Amino acid sequence: MEKSKLTKKELLLKEKEEERVFLMKCIELYQSLPVLWKVKSDDYMDRDKKAQAYEKLLELYHERYPKATREDLAKKFNSLRTNFRKDLKKMNDSKKSGAGAEEVYESTLWYFDSMKFLIDQETPSDSINTCEDESEGSVVDFSVIHDTENAVSSTPRPTKKKRPQPKDPADELIRLACTRLQEPVSAELQVATTWATELMKMAPQQQLFAKKFINEIIFEGQMAMYDENFKSSKLFPVARYRRVTANLSSGEMAFLITVSSFFINGEISVTNS
C-alpha cells in the first residue's frame, strides 16, 4: 500500500516537472515575440503581427494542452506575470527600505529569473486595458487581462433598493384609531357625552320620556318657535305633561329643564344635519 502511494507521488512530481519544462519553452517563445509584451516596440500596436505571434505561441501551447483556447493561454500567462510582478515589487521594496544585502527579498518562484526580461515592462502603464475583441481577429494582451478582471471583481455592486412592503390593513386601522383618539374633543361632543351619561342613570321608562321631550325641544327649536323671552316654565304645560312630569323625580326634572334651557337660550345650537 505504501509503495502504491509513493508511486503516485512520484508520478505527480514527474508530471509537475514536465509541466515546468514545457512552460519554460512557452516563456522562451513568449520572450522571442516582443510584439506581445514590449510596449515600446514599434510593432506592439500592429494587430496583424500581434495575431501571427499569438497563433505561434498558441500552436506550441497545444502540444501539451490540445483543447486550450486563447482565453486559457491568456489566463496562464497572466498568472505567471502577476506572480512575477508581486515578487518583483517585494524585492524592490526591500531594497528601498535600506535593508542589507542579506535582508533583500529573494523570490522563490521557479520561473522568476526566466521572466526578468519583463522588468522594464512591469510599470503602471501596463495596467491600461489593451484587450481587443476576439470577434475581429485581434489578439489578447496577456499583461492586462488579469488586472482588468481584478478591477471588475473589486467594483462594488450597486445596492438594490428594497421595495416597500404592503401595509397590513389591521395595522392601518390601529394607526387611524390612535390618531383619532389624539384629536381634541369638540365642545358639542363633550356636552352630548355628559347628557348621555346622565340619561343612562335614569330608569328605562324615564329615559323614554326624557328622549321624547328632548326630541320635541329640538324639533321646535329647528322650527324657530323659541326666542330669548321664552321661559323654561312654558316647556311643560300642566294639561299637556301632567302625567309625564308626575312620574319624574326632582333630579330628573331638573336635568330635563336644564337640557331644554341650553337649546332655548342658544347655549347649544341645533342645525339640520
C-alpha atoms as a PDB file:
ATOM      1  CA  MET A   1       0.000   0.000   0.000  1.00  0.00           C
ATOM      2  CA  GLU A   2       2.830   2.366   0.912  1.00  0.00           C
ATOM      3  CA  LYS A   3       4.588   1.515  -2.322  1.00  0.00           C
ATOM      4  CA  SER A   4       1.461   2.463  -4.263  1.00  0.00           C
ATOM      5  CA  LYS A   5       1.311   5.880  -2.529  1.00  0.00           C
ATOM      6  CA  LEU A   6       4.953   6.580  -3.323  1.00  0.00           C
ATOM      7  CA  THR A   7       4.372   5.649  -6.935  1.00  0.00           C
ATOM      8  CA  LYS A   8       1.511   8.108  -7.208  1.00  0.00           C
ATOM      9  CA  LYS A   9       3.616  10.783  -5.576  1.00  0.00           C
ATOM     10  CA  GLU A  10       6.434  10.138  -7.981  1.00  0.00           C
ATOM     11  CA  LEU A  11       4.028  10.360 -10.900  1.00  0.00           C
ATOM     12  CA  LEU A  12       2.738  13.685  -9.666  1.00  0.00           C
ATOM     13  CA  LEU A  13       6.249  15.054  -9.232  1.00  0.00           C
ATOM     14  CA  LYS A  14       7.182  13.856 -12.697  1.00  0.00           C
ATOM     15  CA  GLU A  15       4.107  15.441 -14.233  1.00  0.00           C
ATOM     16  CA  LYS A  16       4.796  18.684 -12.384  1.00  0.00           C
ATOM     17  CA  GLU A  17       8.391  18.732 -13.591  1.00  0.00           C
ATOM     18  CA  GLU A  18       7.317  18.055 -17.172  1.00  0.00           C
ATOM     19  CA  GLU A  19       4.840  20.910 -16.966  1.00  0.00           C
ATOM     20  CA  ARG A  20       7.558  23.261 -15.720  1.00  0.00           C
ATOM     21  CA  VAL A  21       9.845  22.283 -18.566  1.00  0.00           C
ATOM     22  CA  PHE A  22       7.032  22.847 -21.038  1.00  0.00           C
ATOM     23  CA  LEU A  23       6.148  26.248 -19.564  1.00  0.00           C
ATOM     24  CA  MET A  24       9.794  27.275 -19.761  1.00  0.00           C
ATOM     25  CA  LYS A  25       9.642  26.588 -23.512  1.00  0.00           C
ATOM     26  CA  CYS A  26       6.488  28.733 -23.733  1.00  0.00           C
ATOM     27  CA  ILE A  27       8.153  31.552 -21.771  1.00  0.00           C
ATOM     28  CA  GLU A  28      11.195  31.428 -24.048  1.00  0.00           C
ATOM     29  CA  LEU A  29       8.967  31.635 -27.111  1.00  0.00           C
ATOM     30  CA  TYR A  30       6.997  34.442 -25.499  1.00  0.00           C
ATOM     31  CA  GLN A  31      10.263  36.327 -24.909  1.00  0.00           C
ATOM     32  CA  SER A  32      11.158  35.927 -28.566  1.00  0.00           C
ATOM     33  CA  LEU A  33       7.889  37.613 -29.546  1.00  0.00           C
ATOM     34  CA  PRO A  34       8.278  41.180 -28.206  1.00  0.00           C
ATOM     35  CA  VAL A  35       5.231  42.275 -30.186  1.00  0.00           C
ATOM     36  CA  LEU A  36       3.180  40.596 -27.426  1.00  0.00           C
ATOM     37  CA  TRP A  37       4.823  42.186 -24.393  1.00  0.00           C
ATOM     38  CA  LYS A  38       7.171  45.046 -25.309  1.00  0.00           C
ATOM     39  CA  VAL A  39       5.000  48.134 -25.029  1.00  0.00           C
ATOM     40  CA  LYS A  40       7.553  50.483 -26.587  1.00  0.00           C
ATOM     41  CA  SER A  41       8.043  48.225 -29.586  1.00  0.00           C
ATOM     42  CA  ASP A  42       7.097  49.692 -32.969  1.00  0.00           C
ATOM     43  CA  ASP A  43       5.106  46.540 -33.713  1.00  0.00           C
ATOM     44  CA  TYR A  44       3.245  46.450 -30.408  1.00  0.00           C
ATOM     45  CA  MET A  45       0.179  48.181 -31.880  1.00  0.00           C
ATOM     46  CA  ASP A  46       0.328  46.221 -35.158  1.00  0.00           C
ATOM     47  CA  ARG A  47      -2.700  43.945 -34.935  1.00  0.00           C
ATOM     48  CA  ASP A  48      -1.695  41.668 -37.797  1.00  0.00           C
ATOM     49  CA  LYS A  49       1.789  40.982 -36.426  1.00  0.00           C
ATOM     50  CA  LYS A  50       0.338  40.514 -32.971  1.00  0.00           C
ATOM     51  CA  ALA A  51      -2.150  37.948 -34.288  1.00  0.00           C
ATOM     52  CA  GLN A  52       0.596  35.992 -36.039  1.00  0.00           C
ATOM     53  CA  ALA A  53       2.746  35.925 -32.910  1.00  0.00           C
ATOM     54  CA  TYR A  54      -0.200  34.885 -30.805  1.00  0.00           C
ATOM     55  CA  GLU A  55      -1.082  31.982 -33.110  1.00  0.00           C
ATOM     56  CA  LYS A  56       2.523  30.830 -32.980  1.00  0.00           C
ATOM     57  CA  LEU A  57       2.506  30.766 -29.186  1.00  0.00           C
ATOM     58  CA  LEU A  58      -0.879  29.019 -29.106  1.00  0.00           C
ATOM     59  CA  GLU A  59       0.414  26.361 -31.504  1.00  0.00           C
ATOM     60  CA  LEU A  60       3.176  25.489 -29.044  1.00  0.00           C
ATOM     61  CA  TYR A  61       0.751  25.505 -26.118  1.00  0.00           C
ATOM     62  CA  HIS A  62      -1.432  22.967 -27.940  1.00  0.00           C
ATOM     63  CA  GLU A  63       1.376  20.400 -27.770  1.00  0.00           C
ATOM     64  CA  ARG A  64       0.524  19.793 -24.123  1.00  0.00           C
ATOM     65  CA  TYR A  65      -2.981  21.233 -23.970  1.00  0.00           C
ATOM     66  CA  PRO A  66      -4.587  20.467 -27.356  1.00  0.00           C
ATOM     67  CA  LYS A  67      -8.030  21.751 -26.341  1.00  0.00           C
ATOM     68  CA  ALA A  68      -6.769  25.031 -24.884  1.00  0.00           C
ATOM     69  CA  THR A  69      -8.287  28.260 -26.177  1.00  0.00           C
ATOM     70  CA  ARG A  70      -6.880  31.758 -26.393  1.00  0.00           C
ATOM     71  CA  GLU A  71      -8.525  32.565 -23.087  1.00  0.00           C
ATOM     72  CA  ASP A  72      -6.847  29.569 -21.422  1.00  0.00           C
ATOM     73  CA  LEU A  73      -3.441  30.636 -22.672  1.00  0.00           C
ATOM     74  CA  ALA A  74      -4.040  34.243 -21.666  1.00  0.00           C
ATOM     75  CA  LYS A  75      -5.075  33.230 -18.141  1.00  0.00           C
ATOM     76  CA  LYS A  76      -1.958  31.082 -17.760  1.00  0.00           C
ATOM     77  CA  PHE A  77       0.415  33.852 -18.765  1.00  0.00           C
ATOM     78  CA  ASN A  78      -1.427  36.407 -16.696  1.00  0.00           C
ATOM     79  CA  SER A  79      -0.992  34.165 -13.673  1.00  0.00           C
ATOM     80  CA  LEU A  80       2.733  33.858 -14.366  1.00  0.00           C
ATOM     81  CA  ARG A  81       3.158  37.598 -14.864  1.00  0.00           C
ATOM     82  CA  THR A  82       1.082  38.524 -11.819  1.00  0.00           C
ATOM     83  CA  ASN A  83       3.169  36.339  -9.514  1.00  0.00           C
ATOM     84  CA  PHE A  84       6.345  37.684 -11.099  1.00  0.00           C
ATOM     85  CA  ARG A  85       5.150  41.263 -10.614  1.00  0.00           C
ATOM     86  CA  LYS A  86       4.343  40.663  -6.925  1.00  0.00           C
ATOM     87  CA  ASP A  87       7.747  39.190  -6.161  1.00  0.00           C
ATOM     88  CA  LEU A  88       9.485  41.934  -8.124  1.00  0.00           C
ATOM     89  CA  LYS A  89       7.666  44.550  -6.051  1.00  0.00           C
ATOM     90  CA  LYS A  90       8.663  42.820  -2.806  1.00  0.00           C
ATOM     91  CA  MET A  91      12.262  42.794  -3.947  1.00  0.00           C
ATOM     92  CA  ASN A  92      12.261  46.477  -4.918  1.00  0.00           C
ATOM     93  CA  ASP A  93      10.502  47.496  -1.696  1.00  0.00           C
ATOM     94  CA  SER A  94      13.057  45.669   0.420  1.00  0.00           C
ATOM     95  CA  LYS A  95      15.870  47.471  -1.427  1.00  0.00           C
ATOM     96  CA  LYS A  96      14.224  50.863  -0.905  1.00  0.00           C
ATOM     97  CA  SER A  97      13.844  50.206   2.807  1.00  0.00           C
ATOM     98  CA  GLY A  98      17.628  50.256   3.187  1.00  0.00           C
ATOM     99  CA  ALA A  99      17.903  46.576   4.028  1.00  0.00           C
ATOM    100  CA  GLY A 100      21.294  44.953   3.805  1.00  0.00           C
ATOM    101  CA  ALA A 101      22.253  42.533   1.076  1.00  0.00           C
ATOM    102  CA  GLU A 102      21.305  39.587   3.260  1.00  0.00           C
ATOM    103  CA  GLU A 103      17.878  41.054   4.017  1.00  0.00           C
ATOM    104  CA  VAL A 104      16.846  41.849   0.434  1.00  0.00           C
ATOM    105  CA  TYR A 105      13.852  39.761  -0.575  1.00  0.00           C
ATOM    106  CA  GLU A 106      14.610  36.818  -2.843  1.00  0.00           C
ATOM    107  CA  SER A 107      11.885  35.300  -4.963  1.00  0.00           C
ATOM    108  CA  THR A 108      11.054  31.623  -4.616  1.00  0.00           C
ATOM    109  CA  LEU A 109       9.315  31.406  -7.994  1.00  0.00           C
ATOM    110  CA  TRP A 110      10.935  28.739 -10.128  1.00  0.00           C
ATOM    111  CA  TYR A 111      10.462  30.866 -13.284  1.00  0.00           C
ATOM    112  CA  PHE A 112      11.368  34.271 -11.791  1.00  0.00           C
ATOM    113  CA  ASP A 113      14.772  34.515 -13.481  1.00  0.00           C
ATOM    114  CA  SER A 114      13.327  33.405 -16.822  1.00  0.00           C
ATOM    115  CA  MET A 115      10.899  36.336 -16.825  1.00  0.00           C
ATOM    116  CA  LYS A 116      13.336  39.086 -15.884  1.00  0.00           C
ATOM    117  CA  PHE A 117      13.091  40.356 -19.443  1.00  0.00           C
ATOM    118  CA  LEU A 118       9.745  41.853 -18.311  1.00  0.00           C
ATOM    119  CA  ILE A 119      11.251  44.005 -15.554  1.00  0.00           C
ATOM    120  CA  ASP A 120      11.208  47.165 -17.659  1.00  0.00           C
ATOM    121  CA  GLN A 121       7.641  46.395 -18.762  1.00  0.00           C
ATOM    122  CA  GLU A 122       6.131  45.970 -15.297  1.00  0.00           C
ATOM    123  CA  THR A 123       5.140  49.608 -14.882  1.00  0.00           C
ATOM    124  CA  PRO A 124       1.809  51.275 -14.056  1.00  0.00           C
ATOM    125  CA  SER A 125       1.259  51.806 -17.765  1.00  0.00           C
ATOM    126  CA  ASP A 126       0.840  48.051 -18.135  1.00  0.00           C
ATOM    127  CA  SER A 127      -2.437  48.266 -16.297  1.00  0.00           C
ATOM    128  CA  ILE A 128      -4.008  50.036 -19.271  1.00  0.00           C
ATOM    129  CA  ASN A 129      -6.531  47.733 -20.893  1.00  0.00           C
ATOM    130  CA  THR A 130      -5.388  46.855 -24.421  1.00  0.00           C
ATOM    131  CA  CYS A 131      -7.783  43.915 -24.768  1.00  0.00           C
ATOM    132  CA  GLU A 132      -9.367  43.793 -28.179  1.00  0.00           C
ATOM    133  CA  ASP A 133     -12.453  41.980 -29.348  1.00  0.00           C
ATOM    134  CA  GLU A 134     -11.617  38.466 -30.497  1.00  0.00           C
ATOM    135  CA  SER A 135     -14.509  38.527 -32.946  1.00  0.00           C
ATOM    136  CA  GLU A 136     -12.431  40.952 -35.024  1.00  0.00           C
ATOM    137  CA  GLY A 137      -9.497  38.526 -35.159  1.00  0.00           C
ATOM    138  CA  SER A 138      -7.425  40.558 -32.720  1.00  0.00           C
ATOM    139  CA  VAL A 139      -5.007  39.378 -30.067  1.00  0.00           C
ATOM    140  CA  VAL A 140      -5.436  39.492 -26.303  1.00  0.00           C
ATOM    141  CA  ASP A 141      -2.682  41.335 -24.448  1.00  0.00           C
ATOM    142  CA  PHE A 142      -1.534  38.965 -21.680  1.00  0.00           C
ATOM    143  CA  SER A 143      -0.257  41.753 -19.480  1.00  0.00           C
ATOM    144  CA  VAL A 144      -3.609  43.322 -18.772  1.00  0.00           C
ATOM    145  CA  ILE A 145      -6.342  40.690 -18.606  1.00  0.00           C
ATOM    146  CA  HIS A 146      -5.650  39.666 -15.026  1.00  0.00           C
ATOM    147  CA  ASP A 147      -5.554  43.253 -13.773  1.00  0.00           C
ATOM    148  CA  THR A 148      -8.766  44.049 -15.613  1.00  0.00           C
ATOM    149  CA  GLU A 149     -10.546  41.041 -14.112  1.00  0.00           C
ATOM    150  CA  ASN A 150      -9.458  42.082 -10.632  1.00  0.00           C
ATOM    151  CA  ALA A 151     -10.695  45.630 -11.204  1.00  0.00           C
ATOM    152  CA  VAL A 152     -14.083  44.388 -12.352  1.00  0.00           C
ATOM    153  CA  SER A 153     -14.471  41.933  -9.476  1.00  0.00           C
ATOM    154  CA  SER A 154     -13.489  44.548  -6.901  1.00  0.00           C
ATOM    155  CA  THR A 155     -16.044  47.083  -8.116  1.00  0.00           C
ATOM    156  CA  PRO A 156     -18.844  47.187  -5.535  1.00  0.00           C
ATOM    157  CA  ARG A 157     -22.206  46.218  -6.872  1.00  0.00           C
ATOM    158  CA  PRO A 158     -24.925  48.831  -6.526  1.00  0.00           C
ATOM    159  CA  THR A 159     -27.249  48.036  -3.682  1.00  0.00           C
ATOM    160  CA  LYS A 160     -30.808  47.262  -4.633  1.00  0.00           C
ATOM    161  CA  LYS A 161     -33.483  49.382  -3.112  1.00  0.00           C
ATOM    162  CA  LYS A 162     -35.940  47.413  -1.093  1.00  0.00           C
ATOM    163  CA  ARG A 163     -39.481  47.548  -2.338  1.00  0.00           C
ATOM    164  CA  PRO A 164     -41.927  48.922   0.222  1.00  0.00           C
ATOM    165  CA  GLN A 165     -43.884  46.139   1.842  1.00  0.00           C
ATOM    166  CA  PRO A 166     -47.701  46.312   1.572  1.00  0.00           C
ATOM    167  CA  LYS A 167     -49.296  47.696   4.713  1.00  0.00           C
ATOM    168  CA  ASP A 168     -51.318  45.377   6.903  1.00  0.00           C
ATOM    169  CA  PRO A 169     -54.983  46.556   6.979  1.00  0.00           C
ATOM    170  CA  ALA A 170     -55.194  45.762  10.695  1.00  0.00           C
ATOM    171  CA  ASP A 171     -52.137  47.908  11.440  1.00  0.00           C
ATOM    172  CA  GLU A 172     -53.587  50.738   9.363  1.00  0.00           C
ATOM    173  CA  LEU A 173     -56.862  50.622  11.314  1.00  0.00           C
ATOM    174  CA  ILE A 174     -54.993  50.727  14.615  1.00  0.00           C
ATOM    175  CA  ARG A 175     -52.976  53.710  13.396  1.00  0.00           C
ATOM    176  CA  LEU A 176     -56.124  55.580  12.357  1.00  0.00           C
ATOM    177  CA  ALA A 177     -57.794  54.793  15.684  1.00  0.00           C
ATOM    178  CA  CYS A 178     -54.804  56.109  17.638  1.00  0.00           C
ATOM    179  CA  THR A 179     -54.774  59.249  15.510  1.00  0.00           C
ATOM    180  CA  ARG A 180     -58.473  59.794  16.103  1.00  0.00           C
ATOM    181  CA  LEU A 181     -58.090  59.361  19.868  1.00  0.00           C
ATOM    182  CA  GLN A 182     -55.378  62.016  19.925  1.00  0.00           C
ATOM    183  CA  GLU A 183     -57.610  64.590  18.232  1.00  0.00           C
ATOM    184  CA  PRO A 184     -59.186  67.225  20.566  1.00  0.00           C
ATOM    185  CA  VAL A 185     -62.806  66.573  21.563  1.00  0.00           C
ATOM    186  CA  SER A 186     -65.280  69.237  20.357  1.00  0.00           C
ATOM    187  CA  ALA A 187     -67.472  71.147  22.829  1.00  0.00           C
ATOM    188  CA  GLU A 188     -70.615  69.655  21.269  1.00  0.00           C
ATOM    189  CA  LEU A 189     -69.318  66.120  21.747  1.00  0.00           C
ATOM    190  CA  GLN A 190     -68.387  66.836  25.362  1.00  0.00           C
ATOM    191  CA  VAL A 191     -71.911  68.129  26.135  1.00  0.00           C
ATOM    192  CA  ALA A 192     -73.545  65.211  24.320  1.00  0.00           C
ATOM    193  CA  THR A 193     -71.386  62.742  26.250  1.00  0.00           C
ATOM    194  CA  THR A 194     -72.358  64.361  29.546  1.00  0.00           C
ATOM    195  CA  TRP A 195     -76.075  64.238  28.697  1.00  0.00           C
ATOM    196  CA  ALA A 196     -75.840  60.632  27.576  1.00  0.00           C
ATOM    197  CA  THR A 197     -74.156  59.720  30.865  1.00  0.00           C
ATOM    198  CA  GLU A 198     -76.905  61.429  32.860  1.00  0.00           C
ATOM    199  CA  LEU A 199     -79.596  59.833  30.711  1.00  0.00           C
ATOM    200  CA  MET A 200     -78.242  56.356  31.401  1.00  0.00           C
ATOM    201  CA  LYS A 201     -78.659  56.950  35.131  1.00  0.00           C
ATOM    202  CA  MET A 202     -82.464  57.101  34.700  1.00  0.00           C
ATOM    203  CA  ALA A 203     -84.815  54.171  34.807  1.00  0.00           C
ATOM    204  CA  PRO A 204     -85.677  52.742  31.380  1.00  0.00           C
ATOM    205  CA  GLN A 205     -89.170  54.275  31.355  1.00  0.00           C
ATOM    206  CA  GLN A 206     -87.857  57.657  32.422  1.00  0.00           C
ATOM    207  CA  GLN A 207     -85.291  57.512  29.610  1.00  0.00           C
ATOM    208  CA  LEU A 208     -88.111  57.149  27.097  1.00  0.00           C
ATOM    209  CA  PHE A 209     -89.893  60.237  28.473  1.00  0.00           C
ATOM    210  CA  ALA A 210     -86.687  62.259  28.501  1.00  0.00           C
ATOM    211  CA  LYS A 211     -85.834  61.298  24.921  1.00  0.00           C
ATOM    212  CA  LYS A 212     -89.351  62.261  23.837  1.00  0.00           C
ATOM    213  CA  PHE A 213     -89.097  65.702  25.458  1.00  0.00           C
ATOM    214  CA  ILE A 214     -85.622  66.332  24.061  1.00  0.00           C
ATOM    215  CA  ASN A 215     -86.702  65.381  20.536  1.00  0.00           C
ATOM    216  CA  GLU A 216     -89.676  67.724  20.754  1.00  0.00           C
ATOM    217  CA  ILE A 217     -87.490  70.560  22.027  1.00  0.00           C
ATOM    218  CA  ILE A 218     -85.017  70.045  19.203  1.00  0.00           C
ATOM    219  CA  PHE A 219     -87.814  69.930  16.643  1.00  0.00           C
ATOM    220  CA  GLU A 220     -89.461  73.114  17.915  1.00  0.00           C
ATOM    221  CA  GLY A 221     -86.091  74.845  18.081  1.00  0.00           C
ATOM    222  CA  GLN A 222     -85.387  73.963  14.456  1.00  0.00           C
ATOM    223  CA  MET A 223     -88.793  75.406  13.589  1.00  0.00           C
ATOM    224  CA  ALA A 224     -87.745  78.719  15.263  1.00  0.00           C
ATOM    225  CA  MET A 225     -90.531  78.513  17.803  1.00  0.00           C
ATOM    226  CA  TYR A 226     -88.376  79.851  20.629  1.00  0.00           C
ATOM    227  CA  ASP A 227     -86.979  83.324  21.332  1.00  0.00           C
ATOM    228  CA  GLU A 228     -84.994  84.977  24.110  1.00  0.00           C
ATOM    229  CA  ASN A 229     -88.167  85.780  26.091  1.00  0.00           C
ATOM    230  CA  PHE A 230     -89.289  82.149  26.165  1.00  0.00           C
ATOM    231  CA  LYS A 231     -89.282  80.805  29.707  1.00  0.00           C
ATOM    232  CA  SER A 232     -88.356  77.294  30.622  1.00  0.00           C
ATOM    233  CA  SER A 233     -91.540  77.004  32.697  1.00  0.00           C
ATOM    234  CA  LYS A 234     -93.500  77.168  29.455  1.00  0.00           C
ATOM    235  CA  LEU A 235     -91.961  73.917  28.303  1.00  0.00           C
ATOM    236  CA  PHE A 236     -94.284  71.807  30.384  1.00  0.00           C
ATOM    237  CA  PRO A 237     -97.906  72.986  30.362  1.00  0.00           C
ATOM    238  CA  VAL A 238     -99.764  71.232  33.129  1.00  0.00           C
ATOM    239  CA  ALA A 239    -102.538  69.972  30.900  1.00  0.00           C
ATOM    240  CA  ARG A 240    -100.103  68.554  28.358  1.00  0.00           C
ATOM    241  CA  TYR A 241     -97.430  66.948  30.505  1.00  0.00           C
ATOM    242  CA  ARG A 242     -99.106  66.323  33.804  1.00  0.00           C
ATOM    243  CA  ARG A 243     -98.866  62.551  33.582  1.00  0.00           C
ATOM    244  CA  VAL A 244     -95.280  62.575  32.428  1.00  0.00           C
ATOM    245  CA  THR A 245     -93.938  65.099  34.900  1.00  0.00           C
ATOM    246  CA  ALA A 246     -95.739  63.409  37.709  1.00  0.00           C
ATOM    247  CA  ASN A 247     -93.560  60.350  37.168  1.00  0.00           C
ATOM    248  CA  LEU A 248     -90.265  62.292  37.126  1.00  0.00           C
ATOM    249  CA  SER A 249     -88.149  62.766  40.210  1.00  0.00           C
ATOM    250  CA  SER A 250     -86.910  66.188  41.119  1.00  0.00           C
ATOM    251  CA  GLY A 251     -83.428  65.381  39.807  1.00  0.00           C
ATOM    252  CA  GLU A 252     -84.730  64.040  36.503  1.00  0.00           C
ATOM    253  CA  MET A 253     -86.973  67.067  36.111  1.00  0.00           C
ATOM    254  CA  ALA A 254     -84.014  69.359  36.729  1.00  0.00           C
ATOM    255  CA  PHE A 255     -81.975  67.501  34.113  1.00  0.00           C
ATOM    256  CA  LEU A 256     -84.720  67.815  31.512  1.00  0.00           C
ATOM    257  CA  ILE A 257     -85.257  71.513  32.209  1.00  0.00           C
ATOM    258  CA  THR A 258     -81.507  72.154  32.014  1.00  0.00           C
ATOM    259  CA  VAL A 259     -81.268  70.442  28.653  1.00  0.00           C
ATOM    260  CA  SER A 260     -84.187  72.426  27.360  1.00  0.00           C
ATOM    261  CA  SER A 261     -82.702  75.675  28.607  1.00  0.00           C
ATOM    262  CA  PHE A 262     -79.466  75.077  26.745  1.00  0.00           C
ATOM    263  CA  PHE A 263     -81.297  74.834  23.462  1.00  0.00           C
ATOM    264  CA  ILE A 264     -83.706  77.660  24.124  1.00  0.00           C
ATOM    265  CA  ASN A 265     -81.128  80.127  25.403  1.00  0.00           C
ATOM    266  CA  GLY A 266     -78.832  79.438  22.465  1.00  0.00           C
ATOM    267  CA  GLU A 267     -76.006  77.929  24.508  1.00  0.00           C
ATOM    268  CA  ILE A 268     -76.172  74.873  22.256  1.00  0.00           C
ATOM    269  CA  SER A 269     -77.031  75.393  18.608  1.00  0.00           C
ATOM    270  CA  VAL A 270     -79.089  72.812  16.774  1.00  0.00           C
ATOM    271  CA  THR A 271     -78.997  72.630  12.993  1.00  0.00           C
ATOM    272  CA  ASN A 272     -80.314  70.248  10.409  1.00  0.00           C
ATOM    273  CA  SER A 273     -77.800  67.514   9.524  1.00  0.00           C
END
